[in-house]
Structure formats: C-alpha cells, structure tokens
Amino acid sequence: MVDDFQVEYYDSNTKRFVPKQDWMKKATEDDADYWEKETELSKVKQQTFKVNLDIAKRRFNQTGGLFIIQFILKKDYFDLDLLRLSLLSFKLVLYSADKNEILLHLRCSAG
C-alpha cells in the first residue's frame, strides 16, 4: 500500500504477482524480470506461511475451524530527514473465528 492504494498483489490461486497500479507497471519497465522474481519469492513465502500456520495450529491445539491471521506492517519516520533509520513495527494476530477468540498477539519492533 502506498498512500492507501494497493500497488501490487500476489494471487494465490493463479500463483502470480501482479501490479495493481499503472504507475507501478511503468516503474518496473526497466527490470524485465521484476514480476517473475516477485512471483517466485511469493510462492516460497506462501509455502512457508502454510507450514508456519500448521505449526501454530498444532501448538495451540487448533486442528480445525476457520482461522484469521493478520499481519500489520507500519513504517514510521522519526524525523523529516528520510535518510535516517526508520522503525519497522510488526504486529501478528492469530484469531480463531469459530471460537471468537484471539490465540496469539505479538508486537515486534526493529530499529
């Protein structure tokens, strides 16, 4: 997301990483392999995510039902000088929709 606009998207059904904005297509014209590289990276991330989800479900004794996993990434700049180091905040919520409860809530920060 850039300024509340989705700029790219990985479709797990077609297994393709695609641009969602015309300006993003133009910005990547110089790198002919950009979308293919992002597609391959996303396929690996998808498989890793499935494995990690299975591990989390086993650890919390949640073998069935509907689960919602939410990742929130937020980038804040401390100063107007964008050359300085920024803070990347990461928040993970594992939610059991069937039981209407939060199973895991993590917040991590790295400078």
N, C-alpha and C. Protein backbone atom coordinates (compact mmCIF):
# COMPACT_ATOMS: atom_id res chain seq x y z
N MET A 1 0.85 -1.17 0.00
CA MET A 1 0.00 0.00 0.00
C MET A 1 0.89 1.24 0.00
N VAL A 2 0.56 2.15 -0.85
CA VAL A 2 1.21 3.45 -0.88
C VAL A 2 0.09 4.48 -0.89
N ASP A 3 0.08 5.34 0.11
CA ASP A 3 -0.97 6.35 0.22
C ASP A 3 -2.37 5.73 0.09
N ASP A 4 -2.56 4.61 0.79
CA ASP A 4 -3.84 3.89 0.81
C ASP A 4 -4.25 3.27 -0.53
N PHE A 5 -3.32 3.11 -1.45
CA PHE A 5 -3.58 2.44 -2.72
C PHE A 5 -2.77 1.16 -2.80
N GLN A 6 -3.42 0.07 -3.17
CA GLN A 6 -2.71 -1.18 -3.36
C GLN A 6 -1.90 -1.07 -4.65
N VAL A 7 -0.60 -1.37 -4.57
CA VAL A 7 0.26 -1.21 -5.74
C VAL A 7 0.62 -2.52 -6.41
N GLU A 8 0.60 -3.62 -5.65
CA GLU A 8 0.91 -4.92 -6.21
C GLU A 8 0.18 -5.98 -5.40
N TYR A 9 0.10 -7.18 -5.97
CA TYR A 9 -0.75 -8.20 -5.37
C TYR A 9 -0.27 -9.58 -5.80
N TYR A 10 -0.23 -10.52 -4.85
CA TYR A 10 0.07 -11.91 -5.18
C TYR A 10 -1.24 -12.69 -5.11
N ASP A 11 -1.62 -13.28 -6.22
CA ASP A 11 -2.84 -14.07 -6.29
C ASP A 11 -2.47 -15.53 -6.03
N SER A 12 -2.89 -16.06 -4.90
CA SER A 12 -2.51 -17.42 -4.52
C SER A 12 -3.22 -18.47 -5.37
N ASN A 13 -4.27 -18.09 -6.07
CA ASN A 13 -4.95 -19.04 -6.97
C ASN A 13 -4.20 -19.20 -8.29
N THR A 14 -3.81 -18.08 -8.89
CA THR A 14 -3.08 -18.13 -10.15
C THR A 14 -1.57 -18.23 -9.94
N LYS A 15 -1.15 -18.00 -8.69
CA LYS A 15 0.26 -18.01 -8.31
C LYS A 15 1.07 -17.02 -9.16
N ARG A 16 0.54 -15.79 -9.26
CA ARG A 16 1.19 -14.71 -10.00
C ARG A 16 1.21 -13.45 -9.15
N PHE A 17 2.30 -12.72 -9.22
CA PHE A 17 2.45 -11.42 -8.57
C PHE A 17 2.19 -10.38 -9.65
N VAL A 18 1.22 -9.50 -9.43
CA VAL A 18 0.80 -8.58 -10.49
C VAL A 18 0.72 -7.14 -9.97
N PRO A 19 0.95 -6.17 -10.86
CA PRO A 19 0.80 -4.76 -10.47
C PRO A 19 -0.68 -4.39 -10.40
N LYS A 20 -1.02 -3.50 -9.49
CA LYS A 20 -2.40 -3.04 -9.37
C LYS A 20 -2.56 -1.58 -9.79
N GLN A 21 -1.45 -0.91 -10.07
CA GLN A 21 -1.48 0.49 -10.48
C GLN A 21 -0.67 0.64 -11.77
N ASP A 22 -1.16 1.46 -12.68
CA ASP A 22 -0.43 1.68 -13.94
C ASP A 22 0.96 2.24 -13.70
N TRP A 23 1.09 3.15 -12.72
CA TRP A 23 2.41 3.74 -12.48
C TRP A 23 3.40 2.70 -11.98
N MET A 24 2.90 1.64 -11.31
CA MET A 24 3.79 0.58 -10.85
C MET A 24 4.30 -0.23 -12.04
N LYS A 25 3.45 -0.45 -13.02
CA LYS A 25 3.89 -1.14 -14.25
C LYS A 25 5.01 -0.35 -14.92
N LYS A 26 4.80 0.97 -15.02
CA LYS A 26 5.81 1.82 -15.67
C LYS A 26 7.10 1.87 -14.87
N ALA A 27 6.98 1.88 -13.55
CA ALA A 27 8.17 1.97 -12.69
C ALA A 27 9.05 0.74 -12.79
N THR A 28 8.47 -0.38 -13.20
CA THR A 28 9.24 -1.64 -13.28
C THR A 28 9.59 -2.03 -14.71
N GLU A 29 9.33 -1.15 -15.67
CA GLU A 29 9.63 -1.47 -17.07
C GLU A 29 11.11 -1.73 -17.31
N ASP A 30 11.98 -1.06 -16.56
CA ASP A 30 13.43 -1.23 -16.74
C ASP A 30 13.92 -2.59 -16.27
N ASP A 31 13.17 -3.25 -15.42
CA ASP A 31 13.55 -4.56 -14.88
C ASP A 31 12.58 -5.61 -15.43
N ALA A 32 12.94 -6.21 -16.55
CA ALA A 32 12.05 -7.14 -17.23
C ALA A 32 11.67 -8.34 -16.38
N ASP A 33 12.53 -8.73 -15.46
CA ASP A 33 12.28 -9.91 -14.63
C ASP A 33 11.61 -9.59 -13.29
N TYR A 34 11.28 -8.33 -13.05
CA TYR A 34 10.77 -7.92 -11.74
C TYR A 34 9.57 -8.76 -11.29
N TRP A 35 8.55 -8.88 -12.14
CA TRP A 35 7.32 -9.57 -11.74
C TRP A 35 7.55 -11.07 -11.61
N GLU A 36 8.44 -11.62 -12.43
CA GLU A 36 8.75 -13.05 -12.31
C GLU A 36 9.50 -13.32 -11.00
N LYS A 37 10.46 -12.45 -10.66
CA LYS A 37 11.20 -12.62 -9.39
C LYS A 37 10.26 -12.50 -8.20
N GLU A 38 9.37 -11.52 -8.23
CA GLU A 38 8.42 -11.33 -7.13
C GLU A 38 7.45 -12.51 -7.05
N THR A 39 7.07 -13.06 -8.20
CA THR A 39 6.20 -14.24 -8.22
C THR A 39 6.89 -15.42 -7.54
N GLU A 40 8.15 -15.67 -7.89
CA GLU A 40 8.88 -16.80 -7.30
C GLU A 40 9.06 -16.61 -5.80
N LEU A 41 9.40 -15.39 -5.37
CA LEU A 41 9.53 -15.10 -3.94
C LEU A 41 8.21 -15.32 -3.21
N SER A 42 7.12 -14.91 -3.82
CA SER A 42 5.81 -15.04 -3.19
C SER A 42 5.38 -16.50 -3.09
N LYS A 43 5.74 -17.32 -4.06
CA LYS A 43 5.44 -18.75 -3.98
C LYS A 43 6.14 -19.38 -2.78
N VAL A 44 7.40 -19.01 -2.57
CA VAL A 44 8.15 -19.52 -1.42
C VAL A 44 7.52 -19.03 -0.12
N LYS A 45 7.16 -17.75 -0.07
CA LYS A 45 6.52 -17.19 1.12
C LYS A 45 5.19 -17.87 1.40
N GLN A 46 4.43 -18.18 0.35
CA GLN A 46 3.14 -18.86 0.53
C GLN A 46 3.34 -20.23 1.16
N GLN A 47 4.31 -20.99 0.66
CA GLN A 47 4.57 -22.32 1.21
C GLN A 47 5.06 -22.22 2.65
N THR A 48 5.97 -21.28 2.92
CA THR A 48 6.48 -21.08 4.28
C THR A 48 5.34 -20.70 5.22
N PHE A 49 4.45 -19.83 4.76
CA PHE A 49 3.32 -19.40 5.56
C PHE A 49 2.42 -20.58 5.92
N LYS A 50 2.15 -21.46 4.95
CA LYS A 50 1.31 -22.63 5.22
C LYS A 50 1.95 -23.53 6.28
N VAL A 51 3.25 -23.75 6.18
CA VAL A 51 3.95 -24.58 7.16
C VAL A 51 3.88 -23.94 8.54
N ASN A 52 4.16 -22.63 8.61
CA ASN A 52 4.12 -21.93 9.90
C ASN A 52 2.72 -21.91 10.49
N LEU A 53 1.70 -21.79 9.66
CA LEU A 53 0.32 -21.83 10.15
C LEU A 53 0.00 -23.20 10.74
N ASP A 54 0.42 -24.26 10.06
CA ASP A 54 0.20 -25.61 10.60
C ASP A 54 0.90 -25.79 11.94
N ILE A 55 2.11 -25.28 12.07
CA ILE A 55 2.84 -25.37 13.34
C ILE A 55 2.09 -24.61 14.43
N ALA A 56 1.64 -23.39 14.13
CA ALA A 56 0.92 -22.58 15.12
C ALA A 56 -0.38 -23.26 15.54
N LYS A 57 -1.09 -23.85 14.60
CA LYS A 57 -2.34 -24.54 14.93
C LYS A 57 -2.09 -25.73 15.85
N ARG A 58 -1.03 -26.47 15.58
CA ARG A 58 -0.70 -27.61 16.45
C ARG A 58 -0.31 -27.14 17.86
N ARG A 59 0.48 -26.09 17.94
CA ARG A 59 0.93 -25.59 19.25
C ARG A 59 -0.22 -25.09 20.09
N PHE A 60 -1.27 -24.58 19.46
CA PHE A 60 -2.42 -24.06 20.19
C PHE A 60 -3.58 -25.04 20.20
N ASN A 61 -3.31 -26.30 19.85
CA ASN A 61 -4.34 -27.34 19.80
C ASN A 61 -5.55 -26.91 18.97
N GLN A 62 -5.31 -26.30 17.85
CA GLN A 62 -6.37 -25.83 16.97
C GLN A 62 -6.25 -26.58 15.65
N THR A 63 -6.83 -27.76 15.57
CA THR A 63 -6.65 -28.60 14.39
C THR A 63 -7.70 -28.36 13.31
N GLY A 64 -8.80 -27.72 13.64
CA GLY A 64 -9.84 -27.48 12.65
C GLY A 64 -10.44 -26.11 12.80
N GLY A 65 -11.34 -25.78 11.92
CA GLY A 65 -12.03 -24.50 12.01
C GLY A 65 -11.42 -23.45 11.11
N LEU A 66 -11.98 -22.27 11.19
CA LEU A 66 -11.56 -21.14 10.38
C LEU A 66 -10.64 -20.24 11.19
N PHE A 67 -9.51 -19.87 10.62
CA PHE A 67 -8.55 -19.02 11.31
C PHE A 67 -8.25 -17.79 10.47
N ILE A 68 -8.04 -16.70 11.16
CA ILE A 68 -7.67 -15.44 10.51
C ILE A 68 -6.32 -15.04 11.07
N ILE A 69 -5.37 -14.84 10.18
CA ILE A 69 -4.06 -14.34 10.61
C ILE A 69 -3.88 -12.98 9.98
N GLN A 70 -3.56 -12.02 10.81
CA GLN A 70 -3.42 -10.65 10.35
C GLN A 70 -2.00 -10.18 10.61
N PHE A 71 -1.34 -9.70 9.56
CA PHE A 71 -0.02 -9.11 9.70
C PHE A 71 -0.17 -7.62 9.43
N ILE A 72 0.36 -6.82 10.31
CA ILE A 72 0.30 -5.37 10.13
C ILE A 72 1.72 -4.86 10.15
N LEU A 73 2.13 -4.24 9.06
CA LEU A 73 3.45 -3.63 8.98
C LEU A 73 3.26 -2.13 8.92
N LYS A 74 4.03 -1.42 9.72
CA LYS A 74 3.89 0.03 9.75
C LYS A 74 5.27 0.64 9.77
N LYS A 75 5.48 1.62 8.93
CA LYS A 75 6.76 2.29 8.87
C LYS A 75 6.56 3.74 9.31
N ASP A 76 7.27 4.13 10.35
CA ASP A 76 7.18 5.50 10.85
C ASP A 76 8.54 6.16 10.73
N TYR A 77 8.55 7.40 10.34
CA TYR A 77 9.79 8.16 10.29
C TYR A 77 9.81 9.11 11.48
N PHE A 78 10.91 9.09 12.23
CA PHE A 78 11.01 9.92 13.43
C PHE A 78 11.30 11.37 13.08
N ASP A 79 12.02 11.61 12.02
CA ASP A 79 12.40 12.96 11.62
C ASP A 79 11.96 13.20 10.19
N LEU A 80 12.00 14.42 9.78
CA LEU A 80 11.70 14.72 8.39
C LEU A 80 12.83 14.28 7.47
N ASP A 81 14.01 14.06 8.04
CA ASP A 81 15.17 13.60 7.28
C ASP A 81 14.98 12.11 6.98
N LEU A 82 14.58 11.78 5.76
CA LEU A 82 14.27 10.40 5.42
C LEU A 82 15.51 9.54 5.24
N LEU A 83 16.69 10.13 5.35
CA LEU A 83 17.91 9.35 5.26
C LEU A 83 18.22 8.65 6.58
N ARG A 84 17.56 9.07 7.62
CA ARG A 84 17.79 8.44 8.93
C ARG A 84 17.08 7.10 9.01
N LEU A 85 17.51 6.31 9.96
CA LEU A 85 16.93 4.98 10.16
C LEU A 85 15.46 5.09 10.56
N SER A 86 14.65 4.26 9.98
CA SER A 86 13.23 4.26 10.31
C SER A 86 12.91 3.05 11.18
N LEU A 87 11.75 3.09 11.79
CA LEU A 87 11.29 2.00 12.65
C LEU A 87 10.28 1.18 11.86
N LEU A 88 10.48 -0.12 11.85
CA LEU A 88 9.52 -1.01 11.22
C LEU A 88 8.84 -1.78 12.34
N SER A 89 7.55 -1.58 12.49
CA SER A 89 6.78 -2.27 13.53
C SER A 89 6.02 -3.42 12.89
N PHE A 90 5.95 -4.51 13.59
CA PHE A 90 5.29 -5.71 13.09
C PHE A 90 4.33 -6.20 14.16
N LYS A 91 3.10 -6.47 13.76
CA LYS A 91 2.10 -6.96 14.69
C LYS A 91 1.46 -8.20 14.08
N LEU A 92 1.38 -9.27 14.84
CA LEU A 92 0.78 -10.52 14.37
C LEU A 92 -0.37 -10.88 15.30
N VAL A 93 -1.51 -11.18 14.71
CA VAL A 93 -2.68 -11.62 15.47
C VAL A 93 -3.17 -12.93 14.86
N LEU A 94 -3.26 -13.98 15.68
CA LEU A 94 -3.84 -15.26 15.26
C LEU A 94 -5.20 -15.36 15.95
N TYR A 95 -6.25 -15.43 15.15
CA TYR A 95 -7.62 -15.33 15.66
C TYR A 95 -8.42 -16.55 15.22
N SER A 96 -9.09 -17.21 16.16
CA SER A 96 -9.97 -18.34 15.85
C SER A 96 -11.37 -17.79 15.61
N ALA A 97 -11.80 -17.78 14.36
CA ALA A 97 -13.11 -17.24 14.03
C ALA A 97 -14.22 -18.12 14.59
N ASP A 98 -13.99 -19.43 14.65
CA ASP A 98 -15.01 -20.34 15.18
C ASP A 98 -15.25 -20.12 16.67
N LYS A 99 -14.18 -19.91 17.41
CA LYS A 99 -14.30 -19.76 18.87
C LYS A 99 -14.34 -18.30 19.30
N ASN A 100 -14.22 -17.39 18.33
CA ASN A 100 -14.28 -15.96 18.61
C ASN A 100 -13.28 -15.55 19.69
N GLU A 101 -12.03 -15.98 19.51
CA GLU A 101 -11.01 -15.64 20.49
C GLU A 101 -9.66 -15.42 19.81
N ILE A 102 -8.86 -14.59 20.45
CA ILE A 102 -7.50 -14.35 19.98
C ILE A 102 -6.60 -15.39 20.62
N LEU A 103 -5.86 -16.13 19.78
CA LEU A 103 -4.98 -17.17 20.28
C LEU A 103 -3.57 -16.65 20.51
N LEU A 104 -3.16 -15.68 19.71
CA LEU A 104 -1.79 -15.17 19.79
C LEU A 104 -1.78 -13.72 19.36
N HIS A 105 -1.07 -12.89 20.08
CA HIS A 105 -0.95 -11.48 19.74
C HIS A 105 0.48 -11.05 20.02
N LEU A 106 1.25 -10.79 18.97
CA LEU A 106 2.65 -10.41 19.12
C LEU A 106 2.88 -9.04 18.52
N ARG A 107 3.75 -8.28 19.13
CA ARG A 107 4.16 -6.99 18.58
C ARG A 107 5.67 -6.93 18.67
N CYS A 108 6.31 -6.71 17.54
CA CYS A 108 7.77 -6.66 17.49
C CYS A 108 8.19 -5.35 16.85
N SER A 109 9.34 -4.85 17.24
CA SER A 109 9.89 -3.65 16.63
C SER A 109 11.36 -3.85 16.38
N ALA A 110 11.81 -3.30 15.29
CA ALA A 110 13.24 -3.34 14.97
C ALA A 110 13.65 -1.97 14.49
N GLY A 111 14.79 -1.50 14.94
CA GLY A 111 15.22 -0.17 14.52
C GLY A 111 16.16 -0.21 13.38
